[in-house]
Amino acid sequence: MAFSLETFFINLLIAILTILIGFYTYFKWCTKYWERKGLPYVEPTFPFGSLSNPITAAKSFGEQCQSFYNTFKAKGHKHLGVYTFGVPMYIPIDIKLVKNILQNDFDHFVDRGVYYNEVDDPLSAHLFSIEGAKWRNLRIKLTPTFTSGKMKMMFPILVECGQQLKEAMDAVTEKNEPVDIKEFAARFTANIIGSCAFGIECNCFKDPNSEFRKHGKRVFVPKGLEILKGFFGFASPSLTRRLRLTLLPKEVTSFFIKIIRDTISYRENNNAVRKDFMQLLIDIKNSVKDDKGNGIGLTFEELAAQAFVFFIAGYETSSTTMTFCLFELASNPDIQQKVREEIEEVLVKYNGEITYDALTEMKYMGQVIDETLRKYPPLMFLNRKCVEPYKIPETDIVIEKGTAVIIPILGIHRDPEYFSDPEKFDPDRFSEENKNKMISFTYLPFGEGPRVCIGLRFGIMQTKVGLTVLLRNYKYSLNGKTKIPLKVDPFSFIMAIEGDIWLNAEKIS
């Protein structure tokens, strides 16, 4: 019996070692891919490839790509290859290559190549992630919902949320307390998105622990194995789909599905109409009906996924932009004062009221936001997937179908060749005169080409409303609780910092 048990364990150990050796051998073969192609590459290590261990990484993926970009550009290379696990990824450095991928040769790079799973993870199958003909058809349906006319329709909701923001800031300044501006901006954008995308009055300032806010934050705070699953989903979306892994926490999916189902049911059963994004989606759903009179212009799952991505794109990215913007304005009081003077000058023409047309006149504020998005792009990189074999111009290298492509936005935005003294916060880079001199495709906060962010107008609009309210009524300076220099959170998909940004806020009498 003892001999049999001993034999069993020896055989088990041999089997495990054989499997590990097999995996390692396969990994070494896979990671010779770029060498075989003749492309310079980042030397991989087992098992995570060219990247850091996702559980213990000191830098975010976007920062790692920036580092690759800087290192290989300094050596005179126009592009490079990296590996995630054993999966090859292509990174262009030369801006002409970036432009080809995003625009000129878009038909070869239509898809993002990111994870989605319509069956097991329905909220993941939204406009940002879906592929091929489904993406084209959905993009055509949704494009009319983001015209200036539709933005004006939703504008009163933003102004109302701006008033709640002012009241909350009034309460804090009366106590002479420092402001966690990251938290304030997040509550403001959560109120807007909750109202516009879900028809819910969130009241996040009065109830910071509301269910909507709690589940909203949960989307951006992966825990434990979720980090590894996310990394795996990033490296191999198709395999993740085949294994039926889900990346969104189940409680988050259940919460948002219920909210959306209840909202649609209430509006359709009571003929209730509201001027918001949810209503636009319901109208699209009902624009085509089946034989029984049910709306089929969008399925429920498609509608729910679009409402959810509107939340993801509008809530976190805009609050992040506001946070970094106010940090820089607190650090540069002369720029802050110039924005404030513009706000007062413009609003006088509109009887002191914040209107859509008033915001469009605030050109310098627009420059400040543009410069914030340059220095702190919410998405630090863009994903694309090669859908047809593509010969890289002026080379013999062919990118094969299915190969992932990464556009290193952070590296490009902080490249001194395109933006002199890139660490300096300088809104004058985006004056009309200087913008005309800017090399195209060196500024990519919303992406570019046919898959440019569909909601960029809305994002800028809500950011302008928030900044107008906060800068019109208060002056800001850095509080000692803010840790300088800022450190990017290595586990966040959207650019975010570790810790909080604390400001002193002084009410303007």
Protein backbone atom coordinates (compact mmCIF):
# COMPACT_ATOMS: atom_id res chain seq x y z
CA MET A 1 0.00 0.00 0.00
CA ALA A 2 2.81 2.37 0.99
CA PHE A 3 4.68 1.47 -2.19
CA SER A 4 1.59 2.15 -4.32
CA LEU A 5 1.00 5.54 -2.66
CA GLU A 6 4.64 6.49 -3.11
CA THR A 7 4.47 5.43 -6.77
CA PHE A 8 1.29 7.47 -7.23
CA PHE A 9 2.91 10.66 -5.90
CA ILE A 10 6.03 10.12 -7.99
CA ASN A 11 3.92 9.66 -11.11
CA LEU A 12 1.84 12.72 -10.19
CA LEU A 13 4.99 14.80 -9.76
CA ILE A 14 6.34 13.59 -13.09
CA ALA A 15 3.02 14.46 -14.77
CA ILE A 16 3.00 17.96 -13.25
CA LEU A 17 6.63 18.58 -14.25
CA THR A 18 5.90 17.31 -17.77
CA ILE A 19 2.95 19.71 -18.09
CA LEU A 20 5.01 22.64 -16.75
CA ILE A 21 7.88 21.86 -19.09
CA GLY A 22 5.37 21.62 -21.94
CA PHE A 23 3.86 24.99 -21.03
CA TYR A 24 7.30 26.56 -20.75
CA THR A 25 8.45 25.10 -24.08
CA TYR A 26 5.26 26.34 -25.77
CA PHE A 27 5.72 29.77 -24.15
CA LYS A 28 9.32 29.99 -25.46
CA TRP A 29 8.16 29.05 -28.96
CA CYS A 30 5.30 31.60 -28.88
CA THR A 31 7.60 34.37 -27.66
CA LYS A 32 9.92 33.97 -30.65
CA TYR A 33 7.08 35.28 -32.83
CA TRP A 34 8.34 38.85 -33.26
CA GLU A 35 11.92 37.64 -33.69
CA ARG A 36 10.73 35.45 -36.56
CA LYS A 37 8.94 38.49 -38.01
CA GLY A 38 12.07 40.64 -37.77
CA LEU A 39 10.40 43.20 -35.49
CA PRO A 40 12.17 44.69 -32.46
CA TYR A 41 10.50 43.52 -29.26
CA VAL A 42 10.51 43.66 -25.48
CA GLU A 43 12.16 40.55 -24.10
CA PRO A 44 9.50 38.40 -22.39
CA THR A 45 9.77 36.44 -19.15
CA PHE A 46 7.71 33.45 -18.06
CA PRO A 47 4.74 33.49 -17.55
CA PHE A 48 3.51 37.08 -18.01
CA GLY A 49 5.46 37.95 -21.14
CA SER A 50 6.76 41.51 -21.55
CA LEU A 51 4.51 42.91 -18.83
CA SER A 52 4.72 43.03 -15.06
CA ASN A 53 2.87 40.57 -12.85
CA PRO A 54 -0.69 42.01 -12.86
CA ILE A 55 -1.14 41.27 -9.15
CA THR A 56 2.04 43.05 -7.98
CA ALA A 57 2.63 45.56 -10.80
CA ALA A 58 4.13 48.90 -9.74
CA LYS A 59 3.02 50.58 -12.99
CA SER A 60 -0.23 50.51 -14.93
CA PHE A 61 -0.35 48.93 -18.38
CA GLY A 62 -0.57 52.42 -19.91
CA GLU A 63 2.62 53.50 -18.12
CA GLN A 64 4.41 50.32 -19.17
CA CYS A 65 3.47 51.03 -22.79
CA GLN A 66 4.76 54.59 -22.37
CA SER A 67 8.06 53.18 -21.16
CA PHE A 68 8.28 50.80 -24.16
CA TYR A 69 7.44 53.70 -26.49
CA ASN A 70 10.16 55.95 -25.04
CA THR A 71 12.82 53.22 -24.98
CA PHE A 72 12.28 52.01 -28.54
CA LYS A 73 11.77 55.47 -30.02
CA ALA A 74 15.09 56.56 -28.49
CA LYS A 75 16.71 53.68 -30.41
CA GLY A 76 15.20 54.95 -33.67
CA HIS A 77 12.55 52.23 -34.05
CA LYS A 78 9.20 52.98 -35.68
CA HIS A 79 7.33 50.11 -34.00
CA LEU A 80 7.83 47.18 -31.64
CA GLY A 81 6.32 43.95 -30.40
CA VAL A 82 5.39 42.87 -26.88
CA TYR A 83 3.83 39.78 -25.31
CA THR A 84 1.00 39.40 -22.83
CA PHE A 85 1.57 35.88 -21.50
CA GLY A 86 2.60 34.31 -24.83
CA VAL A 87 0.22 36.42 -26.94
CA PRO A 88 1.95 38.86 -29.35
CA MET A 89 0.86 42.49 -29.48
CA TYR A 90 2.00 45.14 -31.95
CA ILE A 91 2.78 48.72 -30.84
CA PRO A 92 3.29 51.46 -33.47
CA ILE A 93 5.55 54.37 -32.58
CA ASP A 94 5.66 56.36 -35.80
CA ILE A 95 2.62 58.64 -36.08
CA LYS A 96 2.11 57.72 -39.74
CA LEU A 97 1.61 54.11 -38.65
CA VAL A 98 -0.82 55.24 -35.93
CA LYS A 99 -2.81 57.22 -38.49
CA ASN A 100 -2.90 54.26 -40.89
CA ILE A 101 -4.25 51.94 -38.20
CA LEU A 102 -6.88 54.33 -36.84
CA GLN A 103 -8.02 55.88 -40.11
CA ASN A 104 -6.36 55.31 -43.50
CA ASP A 105 -6.37 51.51 -43.31
CA PHE A 106 -9.23 51.25 -40.83
CA ASP A 107 -10.84 48.34 -42.70
CA HIS A 108 -7.94 46.18 -41.52
CA PHE A 109 -8.42 47.30 -37.89
CA VAL A 110 -12.17 47.70 -37.47
CA ASP A 111 -12.39 45.82 -34.18
CA ARG A 112 -10.97 46.78 -30.80
CA GLY A 113 -10.24 43.21 -29.89
CA VAL A 114 -11.40 43.64 -26.30
CA TYR A 115 -13.44 41.21 -24.23
CA TYR A 116 -17.22 41.02 -24.50
CA ASN A 117 -19.65 38.17 -23.92
CA GLU A 118 -23.23 38.70 -25.05
CA VAL A 119 -24.49 35.52 -23.39
CA ASP A 120 -22.77 35.27 -20.00
CA ASP A 121 -21.83 38.93 -19.45
CA PRO A 122 -24.52 40.88 -21.37
CA LEU A 123 -23.57 44.36 -20.16
CA SER A 124 -20.12 43.90 -21.70
CA ALA A 125 -21.53 43.72 -25.26
CA HIS A 126 -21.74 47.47 -25.84
CA LEU A 127 -20.66 49.84 -28.61
CA PHE A 128 -17.10 50.14 -27.29
CA SER A 129 -16.39 46.42 -27.45
CA ILE A 130 -18.59 44.67 -30.05
CA GLU A 131 -17.20 43.89 -33.49
CA GLY A 132 -17.83 43.73 -37.21
CA ALA A 133 -21.26 44.31 -38.72
CA LYS A 134 -22.90 44.45 -35.29
CA TRP A 135 -20.70 47.40 -34.36
CA ARG A 136 -21.38 49.21 -37.65
CA ASN A 137 -25.16 48.76 -37.36
CA LEU A 138 -25.25 49.86 -33.72
CA ARG A 139 -23.02 52.86 -34.37
CA ILE A 140 -25.40 54.04 -37.11
CA LYS A 141 -28.37 53.68 -34.75
CA LEU A 142 -26.72 55.53 -31.86
CA THR A 143 -24.94 58.36 -33.69
CA PRO A 144 -28.07 60.60 -33.86
CA THR A 145 -28.39 60.46 -30.05
CA PHE A 146 -25.27 62.60 -29.62
CA THR A 147 -26.04 65.56 -31.86
CA SER A 148 -25.86 69.10 -30.46
CA GLY A 149 -29.67 69.16 -30.47
CA LYS A 150 -29.83 66.08 -28.22
CA MET A 151 -27.13 67.57 -25.96
CA LYS A 152 -29.20 70.72 -25.54
CA MET A 153 -32.22 68.57 -24.71
CA MET A 154 -30.39 66.98 -21.77
CA PHE A 155 -28.67 70.18 -20.65
CA PRO A 156 -31.23 71.16 -17.95
CA ILE A 157 -30.43 67.91 -16.12
CA LEU A 158 -26.75 68.90 -16.01
CA VAL A 159 -27.56 72.36 -14.68
CA GLU A 160 -29.72 70.85 -11.94
CA CYS A 161 -26.87 68.53 -10.94
CA GLY A 162 -24.55 71.53 -10.99
CA GLN A 163 -26.77 73.23 -8.41
CA GLN A 164 -26.47 70.18 -6.15
CA LEU A 165 -22.69 70.36 -6.58
CA LYS A 166 -22.68 74.02 -5.52
CA GLU A 167 -24.82 73.34 -2.45
CA ALA A 168 -22.49 70.52 -1.36
CA MET A 169 -19.40 72.71 -1.83
CA ASP A 170 -21.08 75.52 0.11
CA ALA A 171 -21.59 73.15 3.04
CA VAL A 172 -17.92 72.09 3.04
CA THR A 173 -16.50 75.60 2.76
CA GLU A 174 -18.69 76.81 5.63
CA LYS A 175 -16.92 74.26 7.84
CA ASN A 176 -13.54 75.40 6.48
CA GLU A 177 -12.61 71.79 5.67
CA PRO A 178 -10.34 70.55 2.85
CA VAL A 179 -12.14 69.03 -0.13
CA ASP A 180 -11.56 65.56 -1.53
CA ILE A 181 -12.09 66.83 -5.07
CA LYS A 182 -11.93 63.36 -6.61
CA GLU A 183 -14.92 62.32 -4.49
CA PHE A 184 -16.82 65.54 -5.23
CA ALA A 185 -16.33 65.20 -8.98
CA ALA A 186 -17.37 61.52 -8.88
CA ARG A 187 -20.61 62.30 -7.02
CA PHE A 188 -21.39 65.09 -9.49
CA THR A 189 -20.92 62.88 -12.58
CA ALA A 190 -22.72 59.95 -10.89
CA ASN A 191 -25.72 62.23 -10.38
CA ILE A 192 -25.63 63.26 -14.05
CA ILE A 193 -25.23 59.77 -15.48
CA GLY A 194 -27.73 58.29 -13.05
CA SER A 195 -30.26 60.85 -14.19
CA CYS A 196 -29.46 60.88 -17.94
CA ALA A 197 -28.72 57.19 -18.50
CA PHE A 198 -31.03 55.55 -15.96
CA GLY A 199 -33.63 58.17 -15.09
CA ILE A 200 -32.68 57.95 -11.40
CA GLU A 201 -32.27 60.82 -8.98
CA CYS A 202 -29.16 59.54 -7.20
CA ASN A 203 -28.64 62.41 -4.71
CA CYS A 204 -25.05 61.24 -4.24
CA PHE A 205 -24.14 64.34 -2.22
CA LYS A 206 -26.90 63.72 0.31
CA ASP A 207 -26.47 59.95 0.23
CA PRO A 208 -22.84 59.13 -0.70
CA ASN A 209 -23.50 55.46 0.05
CA SER A 210 -26.42 55.11 -2.32
CA GLU A 211 -26.81 51.77 -4.08
CA PHE A 212 -26.10 53.39 -7.45
CA ARG A 213 -22.87 54.95 -6.22
CA LYS A 214 -21.80 51.75 -4.45
CA HIS A 215 -22.27 49.55 -7.51
CA GLY A 216 -20.84 52.26 -9.76
CA LYS A 217 -17.60 52.33 -7.78
CA ARG A 218 -17.49 48.54 -7.74
CA VAL A 219 -17.08 48.45 -11.53
CA PHE A 220 -13.74 50.22 -11.25
CA VAL A 221 -12.40 48.43 -8.17
CA PRO A 222 -11.46 44.85 -9.11
CA LYS A 223 -10.74 42.51 -6.21
CA GLY A 224 -8.44 39.50 -5.89
CA LEU A 225 -8.88 37.08 -8.76
CA GLU A 226 -10.88 39.70 -10.69
CA ILE A 227 -7.57 41.46 -11.43
CA LEU A 228 -6.10 38.28 -12.90
CA LYS A 229 -9.32 37.53 -14.82
CA GLY A 230 -9.22 41.05 -16.24
CA PHE A 231 -5.61 40.59 -17.34
CA PHE A 232 -6.51 37.24 -18.92
CA GLY A 233 -9.53 38.80 -20.65
CA PHE A 234 -7.27 41.55 -21.99
CA ALA A 235 -4.65 39.10 -23.26
CA SER A 236 -7.07 36.65 -24.89
CA PRO A 237 -10.67 37.91 -25.18
CA SER A 238 -11.79 35.02 -27.42
CA LEU A 239 -10.46 32.33 -25.08
CA THR A 240 -12.04 34.12 -22.11
CA ARG A 241 -15.34 34.02 -23.99
CA ARG A 242 -14.99 30.32 -24.81
CA LEU A 243 -14.26 29.54 -21.17
CA ARG A 244 -17.45 31.52 -20.29
CA LEU A 245 -15.59 33.68 -17.79
CA THR A 246 -17.35 36.89 -16.73
CA LEU A 247 -15.42 40.05 -15.91
CA LEU A 248 -18.20 42.17 -14.42
CA PRO A 249 -19.10 41.26 -10.81
CA LYS A 250 -22.46 39.46 -10.78
CA GLU A 251 -23.97 41.83 -8.23
CA VAL A 252 -23.15 44.78 -10.50
CA THR A 253 -24.79 43.14 -13.52
CA SER A 254 -27.90 42.21 -11.50
CA PHE A 255 -28.22 45.74 -10.10
CA PHE A 256 -27.99 47.56 -13.43
CA ILE A 257 -30.15 45.06 -15.33
CA LYS A 258 -32.91 45.49 -12.72
CA ILE A 259 -32.71 49.30 -12.82
CA ILE A 260 -32.89 49.39 -16.61
CA ARG A 261 -35.72 46.84 -16.83
CA ASP A 262 -37.76 48.70 -14.19
CA THR A 263 -37.17 52.07 -15.88
CA ILE A 264 -38.27 50.84 -19.32
CA SER A 265 -41.29 49.05 -17.88
CA TYR A 266 -42.44 52.13 -15.94
CA ARG A 267 -42.08 54.51 -18.88
CA GLU A 268 -43.76 52.27 -21.41
CA ASN A 269 -46.62 51.24 -19.12
CA ASN A 270 -47.29 54.81 -18.01
CA ASN A 271 -46.48 56.64 -21.26
CA ALA A 272 -43.86 58.57 -19.27
CA VAL A 273 -41.36 60.53 -21.34
CA ARG A 274 -38.19 62.19 -20.04
CA LYS A 275 -35.58 64.15 -21.98
CA ASP A 276 -32.59 61.93 -21.30
CA PHE A 277 -30.36 59.28 -22.88
CA MET A 278 -32.54 56.42 -21.65
CA GLN A 279 -35.49 57.87 -23.52
CA LEU A 280 -33.43 58.10 -26.69
CA LEU A 281 -32.57 54.41 -26.36
CA ILE A 282 -36.22 53.50 -25.73
CA ASP A 283 -37.21 55.48 -28.83
CA ILE A 284 -34.64 53.55 -30.91
CA LYS A 285 -35.92 50.26 -29.47
CA ASN A 286 -39.48 51.17 -30.48
CA SER A 287 -38.55 52.57 -33.89
CA VAL A 288 -38.95 49.07 -35.37
CA LYS A 289 -41.73 46.77 -34.16
CA ASP A 290 -42.52 43.10 -34.65
CA ASP A 291 -45.92 41.63 -35.59
CA LYS A 292 -47.13 41.96 -32.00
CA GLY A 293 -46.16 45.61 -31.72
CA ASN A 294 -43.10 45.03 -29.53
CA GLY A 295 -40.10 47.28 -30.13
CA ILE A 296 -37.19 45.44 -31.76
CA GLY A 297 -35.04 48.36 -33.00
CA LEU A 298 -32.81 47.38 -30.06
CA THR A 299 -33.11 44.23 -28.00
CA PHE A 300 -33.35 44.68 -24.24
CA GLU A 301 -29.81 43.34 -23.84
CA GLU A 302 -28.46 45.79 -26.44
CA LEU A 303 -30.26 48.70 -24.81
CA ALA A 304 -29.01 47.72 -21.34
CA ALA A 305 -25.42 47.40 -22.55
CA GLN A 306 -25.51 50.88 -24.17
CA ALA A 307 -26.92 52.46 -21.01
CA PHE A 308 -24.19 50.74 -19.04
CA VAL A 309 -21.33 51.89 -21.30
CA PHE A 310 -22.76 55.42 -21.16
CA PHE A 311 -22.35 55.13 -17.41
CA ILE A 312 -18.78 53.77 -17.66
CA ALA A 313 -17.66 56.35 -20.20
CA GLY A 314 -19.47 59.30 -18.70
CA TYR A 315 -19.07 58.75 -14.97
CA GLU A 316 -15.44 57.83 -14.38
CA THR A 317 -13.72 59.54 -17.31
CA SER A 318 -15.35 62.94 -16.76
CA SER A 319 -14.87 62.89 -12.99
CA THR A 320 -11.22 61.94 -13.54
CA THR A 321 -10.77 64.80 -16.01
CA MET A 322 -12.36 67.28 -13.59
CA THR A 323 -10.12 66.02 -10.78
CA PHE A 324 -6.86 66.40 -12.70
CA CYS A 325 -8.01 69.72 -14.12
CA LEU A 326 -8.72 71.20 -10.68
CA PHE A 327 -5.44 69.79 -9.36
CA GLU A 328 -3.55 71.65 -12.09
CA LEU A 329 -5.58 74.83 -11.62
CA ALA A 330 -4.89 74.74 -7.87
CA SER A 331 -1.19 74.30 -8.72
CA ASN A 332 -1.30 77.17 -11.26
CA PRO A 333 -3.34 80.02 -9.71
CA ASP A 334 -2.69 82.38 -12.64
CA ILE A 335 -4.33 79.91 -15.07
CA GLN A 336 -7.15 79.34 -12.58
CA GLN A 337 -7.83 83.09 -12.39
CA LYS A 338 -7.81 83.41 -16.18
CA VAL A 339 -10.48 80.69 -16.47
CA ARG A 340 -12.56 82.36 -13.75
CA GLU A 341 -12.42 85.71 -15.51
CA GLU A 342 -13.57 84.10 -18.76
CA ILE A 343 -16.49 82.45 -16.96
CA GLU A 344 -17.65 85.78 -15.52
CA GLU A 345 -17.17 87.59 -18.81
CA VAL A 346 -19.22 85.05 -20.76
CA LEU A 347 -22.01 84.56 -18.20
CA VAL A 348 -22.69 88.32 -18.07
CA LYS A 349 -23.97 87.97 -21.65
CA TYR A 350 -26.42 85.28 -20.50
CA ASN A 351 -27.83 87.05 -17.42
CA GLY A 352 -25.59 84.98 -15.16
CA GLU A 353 -27.20 81.70 -16.27
CA ILE A 354 -25.21 78.63 -17.29
CA THR A 355 -26.48 77.73 -20.76
CA TYR A 356 -25.32 75.42 -23.53
CA ASP A 357 -24.42 78.39 -25.74
CA ALA A 358 -22.53 80.08 -22.91
CA LEU A 359 -20.31 77.03 -22.45
CA THR A 360 -19.47 76.92 -26.16
CA GLU A 361 -18.10 80.48 -25.83
CA MET A 362 -15.69 79.50 -23.04
CA LYS A 363 -12.74 78.90 -25.36
CA TYR A 364 -9.97 79.16 -22.76
CA MET A 365 -11.74 76.68 -20.49
CA GLY A 366 -11.82 74.38 -23.51
CA GLN A 367 -8.04 74.77 -23.84
CA VAL A 368 -7.60 73.93 -20.15
CA ILE A 369 -9.67 70.77 -20.55
CA ASP A 370 -7.76 69.82 -23.72
CA GLU A 371 -4.44 70.22 -21.92
CA THR A 372 -5.72 68.17 -18.98
CA LEU A 373 -6.71 65.39 -21.37
CA ARG A 374 -3.28 65.56 -23.00
CA LYS A 375 -1.35 65.25 -19.76
CA TYR A 376 -3.81 62.88 -18.07
CA PRO A 377 -5.66 60.90 -20.79
CA PRO A 378 -8.37 58.80 -19.05
CA LEU A 379 -7.62 55.97 -21.49
CA MET A 380 -3.84 55.66 -21.55
CA PHE A 381 -3.88 53.36 -24.60
CA LEU A 382 -6.18 52.25 -27.41
CA ASN A 383 -6.91 48.67 -28.50
CA ARG A 384 -7.31 47.51 -32.07
CA LYS A 385 -7.34 44.06 -33.66
CA CYS A 386 -6.12 43.21 -37.13
CA VAL A 387 -9.07 41.64 -38.98
CA GLU A 388 -7.27 41.06 -42.31
CA PRO A 389 -3.54 40.43 -42.96
CA TYR A 390 -1.83 43.83 -43.16
CA LYS A 391 1.56 44.57 -44.71
CA ILE A 392 3.17 47.43 -42.82
CA PRO A 393 4.07 50.15 -45.36
CA GLU A 394 7.74 50.32 -46.38
CA THR A 395 8.52 46.99 -44.68
CA ASP A 396 8.22 43.27 -45.40
CA ILE A 397 6.45 42.68 -42.09
CA VAL A 398 2.87 41.41 -42.23
CA ILE A 399 0.58 41.76 -39.22
CA GLU A 400 -1.49 38.59 -39.22
CA LYS A 401 -5.24 38.40 -38.78
CA GLY A 402 -6.20 38.35 -35.10
CA THR A 403 -3.10 40.20 -33.88
CA ALA A 404 -3.75 42.73 -31.12
CA VAL A 405 -2.56 46.32 -31.66
CA ILE A 406 -1.92 48.83 -28.87
CA ILE A 407 -1.76 52.59 -29.50
CA PRO A 408 0.36 54.09 -26.65
CA ILE A 409 -1.61 57.30 -26.03
CA LEU A 410 0.26 58.28 -22.85
CA GLY A 411 3.62 57.91 -24.59
CA ILE A 412 2.49 60.03 -27.57
CA HIS A 413 0.87 62.71 -25.39
CA ARG A 414 4.05 63.12 -23.34
CA ASP A 415 6.48 62.98 -26.24
CA PRO A 416 8.60 66.20 -26.36
CA GLU A 417 8.77 65.90 -30.16
CA TYR A 418 5.06 66.72 -30.31
CA PHE A 419 4.54 68.68 -27.08
CA SER A 420 7.54 70.67 -25.86
CA ASP A 421 8.21 70.42 -22.11
CA PRO A 422 5.43 67.79 -21.87
CA GLU A 423 5.28 67.74 -18.05
CA LYS A 424 4.37 71.43 -18.00
CA PHE A 425 0.65 72.26 -17.84
CA ASP A 426 0.21 74.77 -20.67
CA PRO A 427 -3.30 75.41 -22.07
CA ASP A 428 -1.83 77.70 -24.74
CA ARG A 429 -0.80 74.57 -26.63
CA PHE A 430 -4.46 74.39 -27.67
CA SER A 431 -5.02 77.97 -28.77
CA GLU A 432 -6.49 78.21 -32.28
CA GLU A 433 -3.11 79.21 -33.70
CA ASN A 434 -1.18 76.40 -32.03
CA LYS A 435 -3.85 73.76 -32.69
CA ASN A 436 -3.49 74.39 -36.40
CA LYS A 437 0.23 73.57 -36.13
CA MET A 438 -0.35 70.34 -34.22
CA ILE A 439 0.55 67.12 -36.03
CA SER A 440 -2.61 65.10 -36.58
CA PHE A 441 -3.01 61.90 -34.54
CA THR A 442 -0.66 63.09 -31.77
CA TYR A 443 -3.65 64.04 -29.58
CA LEU A 444 -5.93 61.08 -28.93
CA PRO A 445 -7.91 61.41 -25.67
CA PHE A 446 -11.09 60.23 -27.42
CA GLY A 447 -9.42 58.04 -30.02
CA GLU A 448 -9.61 58.91 -33.72
CA GLY A 449 -11.06 57.62 -36.96
CA PRO A 450 -14.42 55.84 -37.37
CA ARG A 451 -14.26 54.42 -33.81
CA VAL A 452 -13.69 57.80 -32.17
CA CYS A 453 -15.64 58.13 -28.90
CA ILE A 454 -19.28 58.75 -29.79
CA GLY A 455 -20.00 60.58 -26.52
CA LEU A 456 -17.11 63.06 -26.51
CA ARG A 457 -19.45 66.08 -26.75
CA PHE A 458 -21.39 64.94 -23.73
CA GLY A 459 -18.21 64.30 -21.75
CA ILE A 460 -16.83 67.78 -22.47
CA MET A 461 -20.23 69.35 -21.76
CA GLN A 462 -20.62 67.87 -18.28
CA THR A 463 -16.98 68.65 -17.45
CA LYS A 464 -17.55 72.29 -18.44
CA VAL A 465 -20.70 72.52 -16.33
CA GLY A 466 -18.87 71.17 -13.27
CA LEU A 467 -15.86 73.47 -13.74
CA THR A 468 -18.07 76.50 -14.33
CA VAL A 469 -19.96 75.92 -11.07
CA LEU A 470 -16.81 75.25 -9.04
CA LEU A 471 -14.57 78.00 -10.45
CA ARG A 472 -17.25 80.68 -10.56
CA ASN A 473 -17.91 80.43 -6.85
CA TYR A 474 -14.64 79.27 -5.26
CA LYS A 475 -10.85 79.64 -5.35
CA TYR A 476 -8.69 76.56 -4.91
CA SER A 477 -5.23 75.77 -3.61
CA LEU A 478 -3.45 72.49 -2.85
CA ASN A 479 -3.89 71.04 0.61
CA GLY A 480 -0.98 69.33 2.37
CA LYS A 481 -2.89 66.03 2.44
CA THR A 482 -2.33 65.65 -1.31
CA LYS A 483 0.68 63.44 -1.97
CA ILE A 484 3.03 64.99 -4.54
CA PRO A 485 4.09 63.76 -7.04
CA LEU A 486 0.88 62.03 -8.04
CA LYS A 487 1.20 58.27 -8.56
CA VAL A 488 -1.02 56.45 -11.03
CA ASP A 489 -2.97 53.51 -9.64
CA PRO A 490 -1.41 50.45 -11.34
CA PHE A 491 -4.64 48.42 -11.19
CA SER A 492 -7.06 50.95 -12.65
CA PHE A 493 -8.24 50.66 -16.27
CA ILE A 494 -9.05 54.40 -16.32
CA MET A 495 -6.19 56.69 -15.31
CA ALA A 496 -6.59 57.28 -11.59
CA ILE A 497 -4.18 58.13 -8.82
CA GLU A 498 -3.41 56.30 -5.62
CA GLY A 499 -4.94 58.15 -2.70
CA ASP A 500 -6.94 61.35 -2.98
CA ILE A 501 -6.45 64.91 -4.19
CA TRP A 502 -7.26 67.35 -1.41
CA LEU A 503 -7.85 71.03 -2.13
CA ASN A 504 -8.51 74.07 0.00
CA ALA A 505 -11.66 75.82 -1.25
CA GLU A 506 -12.33 79.48 -0.49
CA LYS A 507 -15.75 80.89 -1.32
CA ILE A 508 -15.74 84.01 -3.46
CA SER A 509 -17.96 86.67 -1.92
